[in-house]
N, C-alpha and C. Protein backbone atom coordinates (compact mmCIF):
# COMPACT_ATOMS: atom_id res chain seq x y z
N UNK A 1 0.85 -1.19 0.00
CA UNK A 1 0.00 0.00 0.00
C UNK A 1 0.88 1.23 0.00
N UNK A 2 0.56 2.12 -0.84
CA UNK A 2 1.31 3.37 -0.93
C UNK A 2 0.83 4.32 0.15
N UNK A 3 1.80 4.97 0.79
CA UNK A 3 1.43 5.88 1.88
C UNK A 3 0.68 7.10 1.36
N UNK A 4 0.68 7.32 0.07
CA UNK A 4 -0.06 8.44 -0.48
C UNK A 4 -1.48 8.08 -0.88
N UNK A 5 -1.84 6.78 -0.84
CA UNK A 5 -3.15 6.35 -1.31
C UNK A 5 -4.28 6.75 -0.36
N UNK A 6 -3.98 6.96 0.88
CA UNK A 6 -4.99 7.43 1.83
C UNK A 6 -4.27 8.20 2.92
N UNK A 7 -5.00 9.06 3.63
CA UNK A 7 -4.35 9.94 4.60
C UNK A 7 -3.54 9.19 5.67
N UNK A 8 -4.01 8.06 6.12
CA UNK A 8 -3.30 7.34 7.18
C UNK A 8 -2.69 6.03 6.67
N UNK A 9 -2.43 5.95 5.38
CA UNK A 9 -1.79 4.76 4.81
C UNK A 9 -0.46 4.46 5.46
N UNK A 10 0.27 5.49 5.83
CA UNK A 10 1.57 5.31 6.48
C UNK A 10 1.42 4.65 7.84
N UNK A 11 0.27 4.89 8.51
CA UNK A 11 0.02 4.24 9.81
C UNK A 11 -0.20 2.74 9.59
N UNK A 12 -0.96 2.39 8.56
CA UNK A 12 -1.19 0.98 8.26
C UNK A 12 0.11 0.27 7.91
N UNK A 13 0.97 0.95 7.19
CA UNK A 13 2.29 0.39 6.88
C UNK A 13 3.09 0.18 8.16
N UNK A 14 3.00 1.12 9.09
CA UNK A 14 3.70 0.99 10.37
C UNK A 14 3.15 -0.18 11.17
N UNK A 15 1.84 -0.38 11.14
CA UNK A 15 1.24 -1.52 11.84
C UNK A 15 1.80 -2.81 11.26
N UNK A 16 1.81 -2.92 9.94
CA UNK A 16 2.35 -4.13 9.30
C UNK A 16 3.80 -4.37 9.69
N UNK A 17 4.58 -3.33 9.74
CA UNK A 17 6.01 -3.47 9.99
C UNK A 17 6.36 -3.65 11.47
N UNK A 18 5.64 -2.99 12.38
CA UNK A 18 6.09 -2.93 13.76
C UNK A 18 5.21 -3.64 14.79
N UNK A 19 4.05 -4.13 14.39
CA UNK A 19 3.16 -4.75 15.37
C UNK A 19 3.81 -5.94 16.08
N UNK A 20 4.41 -6.84 15.35
CA UNK A 20 5.02 -8.02 15.98
C UNK A 20 6.21 -7.66 16.86
N UNK A 21 7.18 -6.84 16.38
CA UNK A 21 8.29 -6.47 17.28
C UNK A 21 7.82 -5.72 18.53
N UNK A 22 6.83 -4.84 18.38
CA UNK A 22 6.30 -4.11 19.54
C UNK A 22 5.65 -5.08 20.52
N UNK A 23 4.92 -6.04 20.00
CA UNK A 23 4.24 -7.01 20.86
C UNK A 23 5.26 -7.84 21.64
N UNK A 24 6.32 -8.30 20.96
CA UNK A 24 7.37 -9.06 21.66
C UNK A 24 7.98 -8.22 22.78
N UNK A 25 8.30 -6.98 22.45
CA UNK A 25 8.91 -6.06 23.42
C UNK A 25 7.99 -5.84 24.61
N UNK A 26 6.73 -5.54 24.35
CA UNK A 26 5.78 -5.27 25.43
C UNK A 26 5.56 -6.51 26.29
N UNK A 27 5.53 -7.67 25.68
CA UNK A 27 5.35 -8.92 26.45
C UNK A 27 6.55 -9.17 27.35
N UNK A 28 7.74 -8.84 26.88
CA UNK A 28 8.93 -9.01 27.73
C UNK A 28 8.88 -8.04 28.90
N UNK A 29 8.42 -6.83 28.66
CA UNK A 29 8.36 -5.84 29.74
C UNK A 29 7.28 -6.17 30.76
N UNK A 30 6.12 -6.60 30.27
CA UNK A 30 4.95 -6.76 31.13
C UNK A 30 4.71 -8.18 31.61
N UNK A 31 5.18 -9.16 30.85
CA UNK A 31 4.93 -10.55 31.23
C UNK A 31 3.47 -10.94 31.13
N UNK A 32 2.69 -10.20 30.37
CA UNK A 32 1.26 -10.45 30.25
C UNK A 32 0.82 -10.13 28.82
N UNK A 33 0.21 -11.11 28.18
CA UNK A 33 -0.19 -10.96 26.78
C UNK A 33 -1.23 -9.85 26.59
N UNK A 34 -2.23 -9.82 27.46
CA UNK A 34 -3.30 -8.82 27.31
C UNK A 34 -2.80 -7.40 27.56
N UNK A 35 -2.00 -7.22 28.59
CA UNK A 35 -1.46 -5.88 28.85
C UNK A 35 -0.53 -5.45 27.72
N UNK A 36 0.23 -6.40 27.17
CA UNK A 36 1.11 -6.09 26.05
C UNK A 36 0.29 -5.65 24.84
N UNK A 37 -0.80 -6.36 24.57
CA UNK A 37 -1.67 -5.99 23.44
C UNK A 37 -2.23 -4.59 23.64
N UNK A 38 -2.60 -4.26 24.87
CA UNK A 38 -3.11 -2.92 25.15
C UNK A 38 -2.04 -1.86 24.90
N UNK A 39 -0.81 -2.13 25.34
CA UNK A 39 0.27 -1.16 25.15
C UNK A 39 0.55 -0.93 23.67
N UNK A 40 0.53 -2.01 22.90
CA UNK A 40 0.78 -1.90 21.46
C UNK A 40 -0.36 -1.15 20.78
N UNK A 41 -1.58 -1.50 21.13
CA UNK A 41 -2.74 -0.81 20.55
C UNK A 41 -2.68 0.68 20.88
N UNK A 42 -2.33 0.99 22.12
CA UNK A 42 -2.22 2.39 22.55
C UNK A 42 -1.21 3.13 21.68
N UNK A 43 -0.07 2.49 21.40
CA UNK A 43 0.97 3.13 20.59
C UNK A 43 0.44 3.45 19.19
N UNK A 44 -0.30 2.52 18.60
CA UNK A 44 -0.81 2.77 17.25
C UNK A 44 -1.95 3.79 17.24
N UNK A 45 -2.76 3.81 18.29
CA UNK A 45 -3.81 4.84 18.38
C UNK A 45 -3.15 6.22 18.48
N UNK A 46 -2.10 6.32 19.29
CA UNK A 46 -1.39 7.60 19.41
C UNK A 46 -0.74 7.99 18.09
N UNK A 47 -0.25 6.98 17.35
CA UNK A 47 0.34 7.28 16.05
C UNK A 47 -0.70 7.86 15.11
N UNK A 48 -1.93 7.35 15.18
CA UNK A 48 -3.01 7.88 14.33
C UNK A 48 -3.28 9.34 14.62
N UNK A 49 -3.00 9.78 15.83
CA UNK A 49 -3.24 11.17 16.22
C UNK A 49 -2.12 12.11 15.76
N UNK A 50 -1.04 11.55 15.23
CA UNK A 50 0.11 12.34 14.80
C UNK A 50 0.08 12.53 13.29
N UNK A 51 0.76 13.53 12.83
CA UNK A 51 0.93 13.69 11.39
C UNK A 51 2.23 12.99 11.00
N UNK A 52 2.30 12.59 9.76
CA UNK A 52 3.50 11.93 9.24
C UNK A 52 4.71 12.85 9.40
N UNK A 53 4.50 14.12 9.22
CA UNK A 53 5.59 15.10 9.32
C UNK A 53 6.11 15.18 10.76
N UNK A 54 5.20 15.13 11.73
CA UNK A 54 5.59 15.21 13.14
C UNK A 54 6.50 14.05 13.53
N UNK A 55 6.14 12.84 13.12
CA UNK A 55 6.89 11.64 13.48
C UNK A 55 8.14 11.50 12.61
N UNK A 56 8.03 11.90 11.37
CA UNK A 56 9.18 11.85 10.46
C UNK A 56 9.64 10.42 10.19
N UNK A 57 10.94 10.29 10.04
CA UNK A 57 11.50 8.97 9.75
C UNK A 57 11.86 8.21 11.03
N UNK A 58 11.39 8.67 12.16
CA UNK A 58 11.69 8.05 13.46
C UNK A 58 10.50 7.25 13.97
N UNK A 59 9.77 6.60 13.08
CA UNK A 59 8.55 5.88 13.47
C UNK A 59 8.85 4.79 14.49
N UNK A 60 9.87 3.97 14.24
CA UNK A 60 10.16 2.85 15.15
C UNK A 60 10.48 3.33 16.56
N UNK A 61 11.46 4.23 16.73
CA UNK A 61 11.74 4.69 18.09
C UNK A 61 10.52 5.36 18.74
N UNK A 62 9.75 6.11 17.93
CA UNK A 62 8.57 6.79 18.47
C UNK A 62 7.57 5.77 18.99
N UNK A 63 7.27 4.74 18.19
CA UNK A 63 6.31 3.70 18.60
C UNK A 63 6.80 2.95 19.84
N UNK A 64 8.07 2.57 19.85
CA UNK A 64 8.60 1.83 21.00
C UNK A 64 8.57 2.69 22.25
N UNK A 65 8.83 3.97 22.12
CA UNK A 65 8.80 4.87 23.28
C UNK A 65 7.38 4.98 23.83
N UNK A 66 6.39 5.17 22.97
CA UNK A 66 4.99 5.28 23.41
C UNK A 66 4.54 3.96 24.03
N UNK A 67 4.91 2.86 23.42
CA UNK A 67 4.56 1.53 23.95
C UNK A 67 5.22 1.33 25.33
N UNK A 68 6.48 1.70 25.45
CA UNK A 68 7.20 1.57 26.72
C UNK A 68 6.53 2.41 27.80
N UNK A 69 6.16 3.64 27.46
CA UNK A 69 5.51 4.50 28.44
C UNK A 69 4.20 3.89 28.93
N UNK A 70 3.43 3.31 28.01
CA UNK A 70 2.17 2.67 28.40
C UNK A 70 2.44 1.46 29.29
N UNK A 71 3.48 0.68 28.95
CA UNK A 71 3.85 -0.48 29.77
C UNK A 71 4.24 -0.04 31.18
N UNK A 72 5.01 1.03 31.27
CA UNK A 72 5.41 1.56 32.58
C UNK A 72 4.17 1.99 33.37
N UNK A 73 3.21 2.62 32.69
CA UNK A 73 1.96 3.00 33.37
C UNK A 73 1.25 1.77 33.93
N UNK A 74 1.17 0.70 33.14
CA UNK A 74 0.55 -0.54 33.62
C UNK A 74 1.28 -1.07 34.85
N UNK A 75 2.59 -1.05 34.79
CA UNK A 75 3.38 -1.58 35.90
C UNK A 75 3.22 -0.73 37.16
N UNK A 76 3.16 0.56 36.99
CA UNK A 76 2.95 1.45 38.14
C UNK A 76 1.58 1.20 38.78
N UNK A 77 0.57 1.04 37.93
CA UNK A 77 -0.78 0.76 38.45
C UNK A 77 -0.82 -0.57 39.20
N UNK A 78 0.00 -1.50 38.75
CA UNK A 78 0.03 -2.81 39.39
C UNK A 78 0.88 -2.79 40.66
N UNK A 79 1.47 -1.63 40.97
CA UNK A 79 2.24 -1.50 42.19
C UNK A 79 3.70 -1.90 42.05
N UNK A 80 4.13 -2.11 40.83
CA UNK A 80 5.53 -2.45 40.63
C UNK A 80 6.31 -1.16 40.47
N UNK A 81 7.58 -1.21 40.81
CA UNK A 81 8.40 -0.01 40.76
C UNK A 81 9.31 -0.02 39.55
N UNK A 82 9.71 1.16 39.13
CA UNK A 82 10.71 1.32 38.08
C UNK A 82 12.06 1.08 38.75
N UNK A 83 13.12 0.88 38.08
CA UNK A 83 13.27 0.87 36.64
C UNK A 83 12.87 -0.48 36.07
N UNK A 84 12.38 -0.44 34.97
CA UNK A 84 11.68 -1.51 34.30
C UNK A 84 11.80 -2.86 34.96
N UNK A 85 11.45 -2.83 36.05
CA UNK A 85 10.97 -3.82 36.95
C UNK A 85 11.39 -5.23 36.84
N UNK A 86 10.65 -5.92 37.66
CA UNK A 86 10.87 -7.34 37.77
C UNK A 86 9.94 -8.06 36.82
N UNK A 87 9.79 -7.52 35.63
CA UNK A 87 8.90 -8.16 34.66
C UNK A 87 9.47 -9.52 34.30
N UNK A 88 8.69 -10.55 34.53
CA UNK A 88 9.13 -11.89 34.21
C UNK A 88 9.03 -12.11 32.72
N UNK A 89 10.04 -12.68 32.14
CA UNK A 89 10.05 -12.95 30.72
C UNK A 89 9.44 -14.32 30.48
N UNK A 90 8.50 -14.37 29.57
CA UNK A 90 7.85 -15.64 29.28
C UNK A 90 8.51 -16.31 28.09
N UNK A 91 8.34 -17.59 28.02
CA UNK A 91 8.89 -18.35 26.90
C UNK A 91 8.36 -17.81 25.60
N UNK A 92 7.07 -17.53 25.51
CA UNK A 92 6.46 -17.07 24.28
C UNK A 92 7.03 -15.72 23.87
N UNK A 93 7.37 -14.89 24.82
CA UNK A 93 7.84 -13.55 24.48
C UNK A 93 9.22 -13.57 23.85
N UNK A 94 10.05 -14.54 24.22
CA UNK A 94 11.40 -14.58 23.69
C UNK A 94 11.52 -15.33 22.38
N UNK A 95 10.66 -16.28 22.17
CA UNK A 95 10.79 -17.11 20.98
C UNK A 95 9.59 -16.96 20.08
N UNK A 96 9.84 -16.77 18.81
CA UNK A 96 8.78 -16.78 17.82
C UNK A 96 8.74 -18.17 17.23
N UNK A 97 7.58 -18.59 16.79
CA UNK A 97 7.53 -19.89 16.16
C UNK A 97 8.40 -19.90 14.91
N UNK A 98 9.05 -21.01 14.67
CA UNK A 98 9.92 -21.15 13.51
C UNK A 98 9.11 -21.79 12.39
N UNK A 99 9.24 -21.27 11.18
CA UNK A 99 8.47 -21.75 10.05
C UNK A 99 8.89 -23.14 9.59
N UNK A 100 10.12 -23.52 9.82
CA UNK A 100 10.58 -24.83 9.39
C UNK A 100 10.92 -25.67 10.62
N UNK A 101 10.78 -26.97 10.48
CA UNK A 101 11.03 -27.86 11.61
C UNK A 101 12.42 -28.47 11.48
N UNK A 102 13.33 -28.16 12.43
CA UNK A 102 14.65 -28.79 12.38
C UNK A 102 14.54 -30.24 12.87
N UNK A 103 15.63 -30.96 12.73
CA UNK A 103 15.59 -32.33 13.23
C UNK A 103 15.37 -32.30 14.75
N UNK A 104 14.82 -33.37 15.33
CA UNK A 104 14.45 -33.36 16.75
C UNK A 104 15.60 -33.05 17.71
N UNK A 105 16.80 -33.54 17.44
CA UNK A 105 17.91 -33.27 18.36
C UNK A 105 18.31 -31.80 18.31
N UNK A 106 18.32 -31.21 17.11
CA UNK A 106 18.63 -29.78 17.00
C UNK A 106 17.55 -28.93 17.67
N UNK A 107 16.30 -29.34 17.52
CA UNK A 107 15.19 -28.61 18.14
C UNK A 107 15.32 -28.68 19.66
N UNK A 108 15.67 -29.85 20.18
CA UNK A 108 15.83 -30.00 21.63
C UNK A 108 16.98 -29.14 22.14
N UNK A 109 18.10 -29.13 21.41
CA UNK A 109 19.24 -28.29 21.81
C UNK A 109 18.88 -26.82 21.76
N UNK A 110 18.14 -26.41 20.73
CA UNK A 110 17.73 -25.01 20.61
C UNK A 110 16.81 -24.62 21.76
N UNK A 111 15.88 -25.51 22.13
CA UNK A 111 14.99 -25.21 23.26
C UNK A 111 15.78 -25.10 24.56
N UNK A 112 16.75 -25.99 24.75
CA UNK A 112 17.57 -25.95 25.96
C UNK A 112 18.39 -24.66 26.01
N UNK A 113 18.98 -24.30 24.89
CA UNK A 113 19.77 -23.07 24.83
C UNK A 113 18.88 -21.85 25.09
N UNK A 114 17.70 -21.82 24.47
CA UNK A 114 16.78 -20.70 24.66
C UNK A 114 16.36 -20.60 26.12
N UNK A 115 16.10 -21.73 26.75
CA UNK A 115 15.70 -21.73 28.16
C UNK A 115 16.84 -21.19 29.03
N UNK A 116 18.05 -21.60 28.74
CA UNK A 116 19.20 -21.11 29.51
C UNK A 116 19.41 -19.61 29.30
N UNK A 117 19.26 -19.16 28.05
CA UNK A 117 19.42 -17.74 27.78
C UNK A 117 18.34 -16.91 28.48
N UNK A 118 17.12 -17.43 28.53
CA UNK A 118 16.05 -16.72 29.26
C UNK A 118 16.41 -16.59 30.73
N UNK A 119 16.93 -17.65 31.31
CA UNK A 119 17.34 -17.60 32.72
C UNK A 119 18.46 -16.59 32.92
N UNK A 120 19.42 -16.60 32.02
CA UNK A 120 20.52 -15.64 32.14
C UNK A 120 20.03 -14.21 31.99
N UNK A 121 19.15 -13.97 31.03
CA UNK A 121 18.61 -12.62 30.84
C UNK A 121 17.84 -12.16 32.07
N UNK A 122 17.12 -13.07 32.71
CA UNK A 122 16.37 -12.71 33.92
C UNK A 122 17.30 -12.27 35.04
N UNK A 123 18.53 -12.79 35.02
CA UNK A 123 19.46 -12.46 36.09
C UNK A 123 20.07 -11.07 35.92
N UNK A 124 19.94 -10.48 34.74
CA UNK A 124 20.49 -9.14 34.51
C UNK A 124 19.61 -8.08 35.16
N UNK A 125 20.20 -6.97 35.55
CA UNK A 125 19.37 -5.85 36.01
C UNK A 125 18.40 -5.43 34.90
N UNK A 126 17.26 -4.93 35.28
CA UNK A 126 16.19 -4.60 34.33
C UNK A 126 16.65 -3.66 33.22
N UNK A 127 17.43 -2.65 33.54
CA UNK A 127 17.86 -1.69 32.52
C UNK A 127 18.78 -2.36 31.49
N UNK A 128 19.65 -3.25 31.94
CA UNK A 128 20.51 -3.98 31.00
C UNK A 128 19.67 -4.92 30.14
N UNK A 129 18.73 -5.60 30.76
CA UNK A 129 17.86 -6.54 30.05
C UNK A 129 17.07 -5.80 28.96
N UNK A 130 16.50 -4.66 29.31
CA UNK A 130 15.72 -3.89 28.33
C UNK A 130 16.61 -3.41 27.19
N UNK A 131 17.79 -2.93 27.51
CA UNK A 131 18.72 -2.44 26.48
C UNK A 131 19.09 -3.55 25.52
N UNK A 132 19.40 -4.72 26.04
CA UNK A 132 19.76 -5.85 25.18
C UNK A 132 18.56 -6.31 24.36
N UNK A 133 17.37 -6.31 24.96
CA UNK A 133 16.16 -6.66 24.20
C UNK A 133 15.99 -5.74 22.99
N UNK A 134 16.13 -4.44 23.20
CA UNK A 134 15.97 -3.49 22.10
C UNK A 134 17.09 -3.63 21.07
N UNK A 135 18.29 -3.89 21.54
CA UNK A 135 19.42 -4.09 20.64
C UNK A 135 19.16 -5.32 19.77
N UNK A 136 18.62 -6.37 20.38
CA UNK A 136 18.28 -7.59 19.63
C UNK A 136 17.16 -7.34 18.62
N UNK A 137 16.33 -6.35 18.87
CA UNK A 137 15.28 -5.98 17.91
C UNK A 137 15.86 -5.18 16.75
N UNK A 138 17.14 -4.83 16.82
CA UNK A 138 17.79 -4.14 15.71
C UNK A 138 17.93 -2.64 15.86
N UNK A 139 17.65 -2.13 17.04
CA UNK A 139 17.77 -0.69 17.24
C UNK A 139 19.22 -0.30 17.51
N UNK A 140 19.57 0.90 17.05
CA UNK A 140 20.90 1.45 17.33
C UNK A 140 20.93 1.98 18.76
N UNK A 141 22.11 2.27 19.24
CA UNK A 141 22.23 2.83 20.59
C UNK A 141 21.47 4.15 20.70
N UNK A 142 21.55 4.95 19.64
CA UNK A 142 20.85 6.24 19.65
C UNK A 142 19.34 6.03 19.75
N UNK A 143 18.82 5.06 18.99
CA UNK A 143 17.39 4.79 19.03
C UNK A 143 16.97 4.21 20.38
N UNK A 144 17.80 3.36 20.96
CA UNK A 144 17.50 2.79 22.28
C UNK A 144 17.45 3.92 23.31
N UNK A 145 18.36 4.87 23.18
CA UNK A 145 18.36 6.02 24.10
C UNK A 145 17.06 6.80 23.96
N UNK A 146 16.60 7.00 22.72
CA UNK A 146 15.33 7.70 22.48
C UNK A 146 14.16 6.95 23.12
N UNK A 147 14.14 5.64 22.92
CA UNK A 147 13.03 4.83 23.42
C UNK A 147 13.01 4.78 24.94
N UNK A 148 14.18 4.58 25.54
CA UNK A 148 14.24 4.37 26.99
C UNK A 148 14.38 5.64 27.80
N UNK A 149 14.66 6.77 27.14
CA UNK A 149 14.81 8.02 27.87
C UNK A 149 16.16 8.13 28.58
N UNK A 150 17.11 7.35 28.13
CA UNK A 150 18.46 7.40 28.69
C UNK A 150 19.38 8.11 27.70
N UNK A 151 20.59 8.41 28.14
CA UNK A 151 21.56 8.98 27.21
C UNK A 151 22.17 7.85 26.38
N UNK A 152 22.68 8.19 25.23
CA UNK A 152 23.30 7.18 24.37
C UNK A 152 24.50 6.56 25.08
N UNK A 153 25.26 7.36 25.80
CA UNK A 153 26.41 6.82 26.55
C UNK A 153 25.97 5.82 27.59
N UNK A 154 24.88 6.12 28.29
CA UNK A 154 24.37 5.20 29.30
C UNK A 154 23.90 3.90 28.65
N UNK A 155 23.27 4.00 27.50
CA UNK A 155 22.80 2.81 26.78
C UNK A 155 23.99 1.94 26.39
N UNK A 156 25.06 2.56 25.91
CA UNK A 156 26.26 1.80 25.53
C UNK A 156 26.84 1.07 26.74
N UNK A 157 26.89 1.75 27.87
CA UNK A 157 27.41 1.14 29.09
C UNK A 157 26.51 -0.03 29.53
N UNK A 158 25.20 0.18 29.50
CA UNK A 158 24.27 -0.89 29.89
C UNK A 158 24.42 -2.11 28.99
N UNK A 159 24.52 -1.88 27.68
CA UNK A 159 24.68 -3.00 26.74
C UNK A 159 26.00 -3.71 26.99
N UNK A 160 27.06 -2.95 27.15
CA UNK A 160 28.38 -3.56 27.38
C UNK A 160 28.39 -4.39 28.67
N UNK A 161 27.88 -3.81 29.73
CA UNK A 161 27.87 -4.53 31.01
C UNK A 161 26.98 -5.77 30.96
N UNK A 162 25.83 -5.65 30.32
CA UNK A 162 24.92 -6.79 30.22
C UNK A 162 25.52 -7.92 29.41
N UNK A 163 26.09 -7.58 28.25
CA UNK A 163 26.69 -8.61 27.41
C UNK A 163 27.93 -9.21 28.07
N UNK A 164 28.71 -8.37 28.75
CA UNK A 164 29.89 -8.88 29.45
C UNK A 164 29.47 -9.84 30.57
N UNK A 165 28.40 -9.50 31.28
CA UNK A 165 27.92 -10.39 32.34
C UNK A 165 27.45 -11.72 31.76
N UNK A 166 26.79 -11.66 30.63
CA UNK A 166 26.34 -12.90 30.00
C UNK A 166 27.53 -13.75 29.55
N UNK A 167 28.54 -13.12 28.96
CA UNK A 167 29.72 -13.86 28.50
C UNK A 167 30.48 -14.50 29.64
N UNK A 168 30.51 -13.84 30.79
CA UNK A 168 31.27 -14.34 31.94
C UNK A 168 30.53 -15.40 32.74
N UNK A 169 29.25 -15.54 32.50
CA UNK A 169 28.45 -16.46 33.29
C UNK A 169 28.96 -17.89 33.11
N UNK A 170 29.06 -18.66 34.21
CA UNK A 170 29.55 -20.04 34.12
C UNK A 170 28.76 -20.91 33.13
N UNK A 171 27.47 -20.65 33.01
CA UNK A 171 26.65 -21.45 32.10
C UNK A 171 27.09 -21.22 30.65
N UNK A 172 27.43 -19.99 30.30
CA UNK A 172 27.89 -19.68 28.95
C UNK A 172 29.25 -20.33 28.72
N UNK A 173 30.10 -20.27 29.72
CA UNK A 173 31.41 -20.91 29.63
C UNK A 173 31.23 -22.41 29.38
N UNK A 174 30.31 -23.02 30.11
CA UNK A 174 30.02 -24.45 29.95
C UNK A 174 29.53 -24.73 28.53
N UNK A 175 28.62 -23.87 28.02
CA UNK A 175 28.10 -24.06 26.66
C UNK A 175 29.20 -23.91 25.62
N UNK A 176 30.10 -22.95 25.82
CA UNK A 176 31.17 -22.77 24.84
C UNK A 176 32.13 -23.96 24.86
N UNK A 177 32.34 -24.56 26.03
CA UNK A 177 33.17 -25.76 26.10
C UNK A 177 32.50 -26.91 25.36
N UNK A 178 31.18 -27.04 25.52
CA UNK A 178 30.43 -28.09 24.81
C UNK A 178 30.54 -27.91 23.32
N UNK A 179 30.43 -26.66 22.84
CA UNK A 179 30.52 -26.39 21.41
C UNK A 179 31.90 -26.76 20.88
N UNK A 180 32.94 -26.41 21.64
CA UNK A 180 34.31 -26.73 21.24
C UNK A 180 34.48 -28.25 21.15
N UNK A 181 33.92 -28.96 22.12
CA UNK A 181 33.99 -30.42 22.13
C UNK A 181 33.25 -30.99 20.93
N UNK A 182 32.05 -30.46 20.61
CA UNK A 182 31.28 -30.94 19.47
C UNK A 182 32.02 -30.67 18.15
N UNK A 183 32.69 -29.50 18.05
CA UNK A 183 33.37 -29.13 16.83
C UNK A 183 34.56 -30.07 16.54
N UNK A 184 35.19 -30.57 17.61
CA UNK A 184 36.36 -31.43 17.44
C UNK A 184 35.99 -32.91 17.35
N UNK A 185 34.73 -33.23 17.58
CA UNK A 185 34.34 -34.65 17.57
C UNK A 185 34.11 -35.16 16.18
């Protein structure tokens, strides 16, 4: 659909492009499918109230910021405290269904690795976890700073510390030893 074909065609294009990533992000923050859907819907309703010129080429950071703000509002109402809280990450929020079926042993290894990574991510401070989540969604440090309301320097530090903590974790060390053993077998 061409964004010039109707006044809000650009909003429909944004829905097509960003609904799934926003939903994953909101589910990780909130740990609740319904609240996540509300936060995403809220972001798109707010986008409808904006002009294309106002948002410009920063649609993704703008949507993620509005969605994040709505998620924070939900968490505050639920009595949870900032910074982006003790939101429990669900299995569904971290993994999307895969279109092709790998062999059973590879699928089992992938599930085990995903489960371990979820546990490791939960052990990170909330700000580091959120920064890495956004980075994994493909956002630049500058865009993550826009979305989270932090400085770009702070975002870089959070990402570095979070990734360094993950690399140093004994479970990751164990996994890398297993990979080395498999590669030489």
